[in-house]
Protein backbone atom coordinates (compact mmCIF):
# COMPACT_ATOMS: atom_id res chain seq x y z
CA MET A 1 7.26 -28.04 11.73
CA ASN A 2 7.37 -27.74 7.61
CA ASP A 3 3.85 -27.73 6.57
CA ASN A 4 4.79 -29.36 3.13
CA LEU A 5 6.40 -32.06 5.45
CA LYS A 6 2.82 -32.83 6.75
CA ALA A 7 0.49 -32.58 4.38
CA PHE A 8 3.38 -35.09 2.20
CA LEU A 9 3.30 -37.58 5.17
CA ASP A 10 -0.40 -37.28 5.63
CA ALA A 11 -1.04 -38.42 2.31
CA LYS A 12 1.37 -41.27 2.43
CA VAL A 13 -0.43 -42.55 5.50
CA ALA A 14 -3.58 -42.26 3.77
CA GLN A 15 -1.65 -44.52 1.06
CA TYR A 16 -0.78 -47.42 3.42
CA ASN A 17 -3.01 -47.12 6.03
CA ARG A 18 -5.39 -49.05 4.40
CA PRO A 19 -6.67 -53.05 4.35
CA GLU A 20 -4.82 -53.46 0.92
CA PHE A 21 -1.45 -53.00 3.17
CA ILE A 22 -2.48 -56.16 5.11
CA ALA A 23 -1.75 -58.66 3.14
CA ASN A 24 1.70 -58.41 2.83
CA ASP A 25 3.00 -57.19 6.33
CA PRO A 26 3.46 -59.24 9.52
CA ILE A 27 -0.05 -57.85 10.86
CA VAL A 28 -2.02 -60.37 8.63
CA ILE A 29 -1.16 -62.94 11.30
CA PRO A 30 -3.39 -61.78 14.05
CA HIS A 31 -5.90 -60.25 10.90
CA LEU A 32 -6.60 -64.54 10.91
CA PHE A 33 -8.51 -64.65 14.18
CA GLY A 34 -11.33 -62.77 15.91
CA LYS A 35 -10.89 -64.24 18.98
CA LYS A 36 -9.07 -61.34 21.42
CA GLN A 37 -6.72 -63.89 22.86
CA ASP A 38 -5.54 -65.23 19.60
CA ILE A 39 -5.09 -61.75 18.13
CA GLU A 40 -3.09 -60.81 21.23
CA ILE A 41 -0.88 -63.98 20.95
CA MET A 42 -0.20 -64.28 17.15
CA GLY A 43 0.25 -60.38 17.06
CA PHE A 44 2.93 -60.81 19.90
CA TRP A 45 4.11 -63.72 18.11
CA ALA A 46 4.62 -61.80 14.70
CA ALA A 47 5.92 -58.82 16.04
CA THR A 48 8.74 -60.86 17.61
CA LEU A 49 9.57 -62.87 14.65
CA SER A 50 9.67 -60.02 12.24
CA TRP A 51 13.08 -59.44 10.89
CA GLY A 52 13.94 -60.73 7.51
CA GLN A 53 12.00 -60.82 4.52
CA ARG A 54 8.26 -60.30 5.43
CA VAL A 55 7.09 -63.27 3.27
CA THR A 56 9.45 -65.52 5.23
CA ILE A 57 7.84 -64.12 8.49
CA ILE A 58 4.19 -64.53 7.39
CA ASN A 59 4.91 -68.01 6.52
CA LYS A 60 6.76 -68.94 9.58
CA CYS A 61 3.94 -67.81 11.65
CA LYS A 62 1.29 -69.77 9.72
CA GLU A 63 3.52 -72.56 10.40
CA LEU A 64 3.44 -71.86 13.92
CA ILE A 65 -0.58 -71.71 13.78
CA THR A 66 -0.68 -74.88 12.10
CA LEU A 67 1.09 -76.48 14.99
CA MET A 68 -0.98 -75.23 17.23
CA ASP A 69 -4.03 -76.65 15.66
CA GLY A 70 -5.23 -73.56 13.91
CA ALA A 71 -6.25 -72.05 17.51
CA PRO A 72 -3.15 -70.73 19.43
CA TYR A 73 -5.19 -69.59 22.71
CA ASP A 74 -7.12 -72.96 23.13
CA PHE A 75 -3.71 -74.67 22.44
CA ILE A 76 -1.62 -72.74 25.10
CA ILE A 77 -4.67 -73.08 27.55
CA ASN A 78 -5.61 -76.83 27.26
CA HIS A 79 -2.62 -78.43 25.70
CA GLN A 80 -0.91 -81.76 27.28
CA GLU A 81 2.78 -82.36 27.61
CA PRO A 82 2.51 -84.55 24.54
CA ASP A 83 1.03 -81.94 22.51
CA LEU A 84 4.42 -79.78 22.53
CA ARG A 85 6.49 -82.45 21.01
CA LYS A 86 5.60 -81.27 17.53
CA LEU A 87 6.64 -77.88 18.40
CA LEU A 88 10.47 -79.14 18.82
CA HIS A 89 11.62 -78.59 15.31
CA PHE A 90 9.94 -74.85 15.11
CA LYS A 91 12.49 -72.17 14.39
CA HIS A 92 13.11 -68.61 12.68
CA ARG A 93 16.51 -67.67 12.40
CA THR A 94 17.90 -67.30 16.43
CA PHE A 95 14.10 -68.00 17.40
CA ASN A 96 13.80 -71.80 18.26
CA ASP A 97 12.13 -74.62 20.18
CA ILE A 98 13.72 -73.08 23.88
CA ASP A 99 11.88 -70.08 23.14
CA THR A 100 8.91 -71.36 21.58
CA LEU A 101 8.08 -73.82 24.86
CA TYR A 102 8.66 -70.82 27.12
CA PHE A 103 6.44 -68.23 25.23
CA ILE A 104 3.63 -70.77 25.70
CA SER A 105 4.35 -71.17 29.11
CA PHE A 106 4.49 -67.39 29.84
CA PHE A 107 1.30 -66.97 27.52
CA ARG A 108 -0.45 -69.95 29.78
CA GLN A 109 0.68 -68.54 33.16
CA HIS A 110 -0.59 -65.27 32.07
CA TYR A 111 -3.94 -66.37 30.74
CA GLU A 112 -4.65 -68.41 33.57
CA ARG A 113 -4.75 -64.69 35.60
CA PHE A 114 -5.94 -62.30 33.27
CA ASP A 115 -8.09 -62.21 30.25
CA SER A 116 -6.31 -59.92 28.17
CA LEU A 117 -2.07 -59.57 27.61
CA GLU A 118 -2.88 -56.06 27.91
CA GLU A 119 -2.49 -56.49 31.44
CA ALA A 120 1.30 -57.76 30.90
CA PHE A 121 2.27 -54.22 30.13
CA ASN A 122 0.27 -52.40 33.08
CA PRO A 123 2.63 -51.29 35.89
CA LEU A 124 -0.06 -51.50 38.66
CA ASN A 125 -0.33 -55.25 38.08
CA LYS A 126 3.15 -55.61 40.35
CA PHE A 127 2.14 -58.77 41.93
CA VAL A 128 2.66 -60.83 38.53
CA ILE A 129 6.45 -59.95 39.08
CA LEU A 130 8.36 -62.56 40.91
CA ASN A 131 11.79 -60.29 40.47
CA ASP A 132 10.52 -56.80 39.63
CA ASN A 133 13.36 -54.75 38.60
CA LYS A 134 12.29 -51.22 40.84
CA GLU A 135 13.80 -49.21 37.83
CA SER A 136 11.24 -50.52 35.32
CA ASN A 137 8.18 -48.22 36.97
CA SER A 138 9.92 -45.05 37.82
CA GLU A 139 8.83 -43.16 34.80
CA TYR A 140 5.42 -44.42 35.58
CA ALA A 141 6.02 -43.30 39.18
CA LEU A 142 6.91 -39.63 37.93
CA ARG A 143 3.93 -39.41 35.32
CA GLN A 144 1.69 -40.48 38.83
CA ALA A 145 3.63 -37.67 40.71
CA GLN A 146 2.71 -35.46 37.80
CA GLY A 147 -0.72 -36.16 37.91
CA ASP A 148 -0.77 -38.08 34.35
CA LYS A 149 -2.46 -41.05 34.48
CA SER A 150 -1.67 -42.65 31.74
CA ILE A 151 0.93 -45.60 31.66
CA GLY A 152 3.44 -44.01 28.74
CA ALA A 153 5.26 -46.53 26.63
CA GLU A 154 8.58 -46.77 28.53
CA ALA A 155 7.01 -47.95 31.82
CA ALA A 156 5.05 -50.13 29.65
CA LEU A 157 7.79 -52.05 28.19
CA ASN A 158 10.47 -51.65 30.95
CA HIS A 159 7.22 -53.72 33.15
CA PHE A 160 6.64 -56.15 30.68
CA ARG A 161 10.16 -57.33 30.28
CA SER A 162 10.54 -57.37 34.14
CA TYR A 163 7.01 -59.43 33.96
CA PHE A 164 8.52 -61.43 30.67
CA ILE A 165 11.91 -62.85 32.27
CA SER A 166 10.36 -63.37 36.04
CA LEU A 167 8.99 -67.08 35.68
CA PRO A 168 10.90 -69.79 37.40
CA ASP A 169 11.87 -71.66 34.14
CA PHE A 170 12.96 -68.92 31.96
CA PRO A 171 15.66 -69.69 29.75
CA ASN A 172 18.16 -67.21 29.94
CA ARG A 173 18.52 -67.47 25.93
CA THR A 174 15.29 -66.37 25.49
CA LYS A 175 16.18 -62.91 26.98
CA LYS A 176 17.36 -61.41 23.59
CA HIS A 177 13.59 -61.72 21.95
CA VAL A 178 12.10 -59.12 24.61
CA SER A 179 13.97 -55.75 25.32
CA SER A 180 13.23 -52.85 26.91
CA PRO A 181 14.04 -48.91 27.30
CA LEU A 182 16.38 -50.26 29.82
CA GLN A 183 18.48 -51.89 27.55
CA LYS A 184 18.79 -48.78 25.38
CA SER A 185 16.81 -50.70 22.52
CA THR A 186 15.06 -48.81 20.33
CA CYS A 187 12.25 -51.87 20.90
CA LYS A 188 11.01 -51.66 17.27
CA ARG A 189 9.15 -55.11 17.32
CA LEU A 190 7.19 -54.44 20.61
CA ASN A 191 6.22 -50.63 19.76
CA MET A 192 4.97 -52.10 16.58
CA PHE A 193 2.78 -54.79 18.59
CA LEU A 194 1.65 -51.96 20.77
CA ARG A 195 0.93 -49.90 17.72
CA TRP A 196 -1.33 -52.91 16.86
CA MET A 197 -3.12 -53.16 19.72
CA VAL A 198 -3.47 -49.67 20.61
CA ARG A 199 -4.29 -47.35 17.83
CA LYS A 200 -8.02 -46.91 16.89
CA ASP A 201 -9.08 -45.43 13.51
CA ASN A 202 -11.42 -46.72 10.98
CA GLN A 203 -8.96 -48.05 8.39
CA GLY A 204 -8.98 -51.53 9.56
CA VAL A 205 -5.35 -52.10 9.98
CA ASP A 206 -4.64 -51.59 13.90
CA PHE A 207 -6.65 -53.42 15.97
CA GLY A 208 -7.14 -50.83 18.64
CA ILE A 209 -8.53 -53.37 21.27
CA TRP A 210 -6.30 -52.24 24.42
CA ASN A 211 -7.35 -48.96 26.33
CA LYS A 212 -4.78 -48.34 29.12
CA LEU A 213 -2.59 -47.09 26.72
CA ARG A 214 -3.20 -43.91 24.45
CA PRO A 215 -2.43 -43.47 21.07
CA ALA A 216 -0.69 -40.34 22.14
CA ASP A 217 1.71 -42.69 24.69
CA LEU A 218 3.31 -45.00 21.61
CA ILE A 219 6.73 -44.70 20.52
CA CYS A 220 7.20 -44.95 17.06
CA PRO A 221 8.80 -48.28 15.79
CA CYS A 222 12.21 -47.33 14.39
CA ASP A 223 13.57 -49.74 11.88
CA LEU A 224 15.99 -49.38 9.13
CA HIS A 225 13.15 -48.28 6.60
CA VAL A 226 11.76 -45.54 9.12
CA ASP A 227 15.01 -44.81 10.73
CA ARG A 228 16.37 -43.93 7.01
CA VAL A 229 13.68 -41.87 5.80
CA ALA A 230 13.34 -40.18 9.30
CA ARG A 231 17.08 -38.60 8.67
CA HIS A 232 16.58 -37.52 5.27
CA LEU A 233 13.55 -35.59 6.78
CA LYS A 234 15.17 -34.50 9.58
CA LEU A 235 12.97 -35.93 11.90
CA ILE A 236 16.20 -37.75 13.39
CA THR A 237 19.12 -36.01 14.80
CA ARG A 238 20.84 -37.80 16.88
CA LYS A 239 23.68 -39.85 16.03
CA GLN A 240 23.28 -43.50 16.92
CA THR A 241 19.93 -45.55 16.98
CA ASP A 242 18.48 -46.29 20.09
CA TRP A 243 15.35 -45.72 22.69
CA GLN A 244 16.00 -42.06 22.65
CA THR A 245 16.01 -42.01 18.97
CA ALA A 246 12.81 -43.30 18.89
CA VAL A 247 11.51 -40.90 21.44
CA GLU A 248 13.03 -37.86 19.40
CA LEU A 249 11.57 -39.04 16.09
CA THR A 250 7.87 -39.64 17.98
CA ASP A 251 8.23 -35.89 19.52
CA ASN A 252 8.86 -34.62 16.48
CA LEU A 253 6.12 -36.64 14.89
CA LYS A 254 3.92 -35.12 17.79
CA GLN A 255 4.40 -31.96 16.16
CA LEU A 256 2.32 -33.17 13.03
CA ASP A 257 -0.32 -35.18 15.09
CA PRO A 258 0.01 -34.94 18.90
CA ALA A 259 -2.85 -37.12 19.35
CA ASP A 260 -1.53 -39.88 17.02
CA PRO A 261 2.01 -39.51 16.40
CA VAL A 262 2.64 -43.00 15.33
CA LYS A 263 0.29 -43.22 12.51
CA TYR A 264 3.34 -41.86 10.33
CA ASP A 265 4.91 -45.10 10.72
CA PHE A 266 2.87 -46.14 7.57
CA ALA A 267 4.53 -43.37 5.87
CA LEU A 268 7.97 -43.41 7.03
CA PHE A 269 7.83 -47.62 6.74
CA GLY A 270 6.33 -47.10 3.11
CA LEU A 271 8.31 -44.73 1.66
CA GLY A 272 11.41 -46.72 3.10
CA ILE A 273 10.10 -49.78 1.31
CA GLU A 274 9.22 -47.83 -1.67
CA GLN A 275 12.81 -48.27 -2.97
CA ARG A 276 12.39 -45.73 -5.52
CA TRP A 277 13.51 -42.83 -3.43
CA GLY A 278 16.17 -41.83 -5.02
CA ILE A 279 14.82 -39.71 -2.95
CA ASP A 280 14.45 -36.07 -4.69
CA GLY A 281 11.36 -37.30 -6.98
CA ILE A 282 9.04 -38.13 -3.74
CA LEU A 283 10.16 -36.29 -0.69
CA PRO A 284 8.91 -32.63 -0.42
CA GLU A 285 11.70 -30.05 -0.64
CA LEU A 286 12.56 -29.04 3.38
């Protein structure tokens, strides 16, 4: 891998992976809280609603927090049926009240059994899945057979989706909001959420409150900005953009930092939104 490229991207990581980045990014939403469960719930919700303008995403998440009386975890665990009425008009693009009520139901049933949402991504917790898709744990089983005790993002995401759609009151329309590698999706929003929860550094942006996945296991979120910059830098060669594209990108980023490849999400996304990458002026010669 080109040394100039590594030096350039490392500098961009340092530029964007800092507290000043938080205010204008959806990650500001979980940063409003100190309680672990509130961070998880609103981090997941902020990631799920992350399409469109970032200002709108942040405002809609703040609206949702207000509708849950400023305390998402407490509301989810202790609400009564009449309390849900005020959520019936919440909407962001294709995410509507049906989806909102199911998310609340899912969170409540999960947190009645577990202290952390991290366990929803753990393939070892198979008993929580009512209609388990055996394929969802295939990558995890392979890792275990090879002596690798880490979970791996692919197995974690496949397991989570199986769990998420397994509850008896699951509305089919909500399925589109949670994807997995089995659907060939890049899983951009979920990979972003996992980055927030898993990455550990001292910069104050990502939380690093989960331990069953390692930073090395994560897959880089591959949105339009990241995809565009990564292709220019020849970090992506695959024609289509799907799960394997995100894996290809991450594998190439591992050549720059095997232990923490997804830190370069800061650099690629930041370059993508700079808008002045007309592009020869700011990208290194390859």
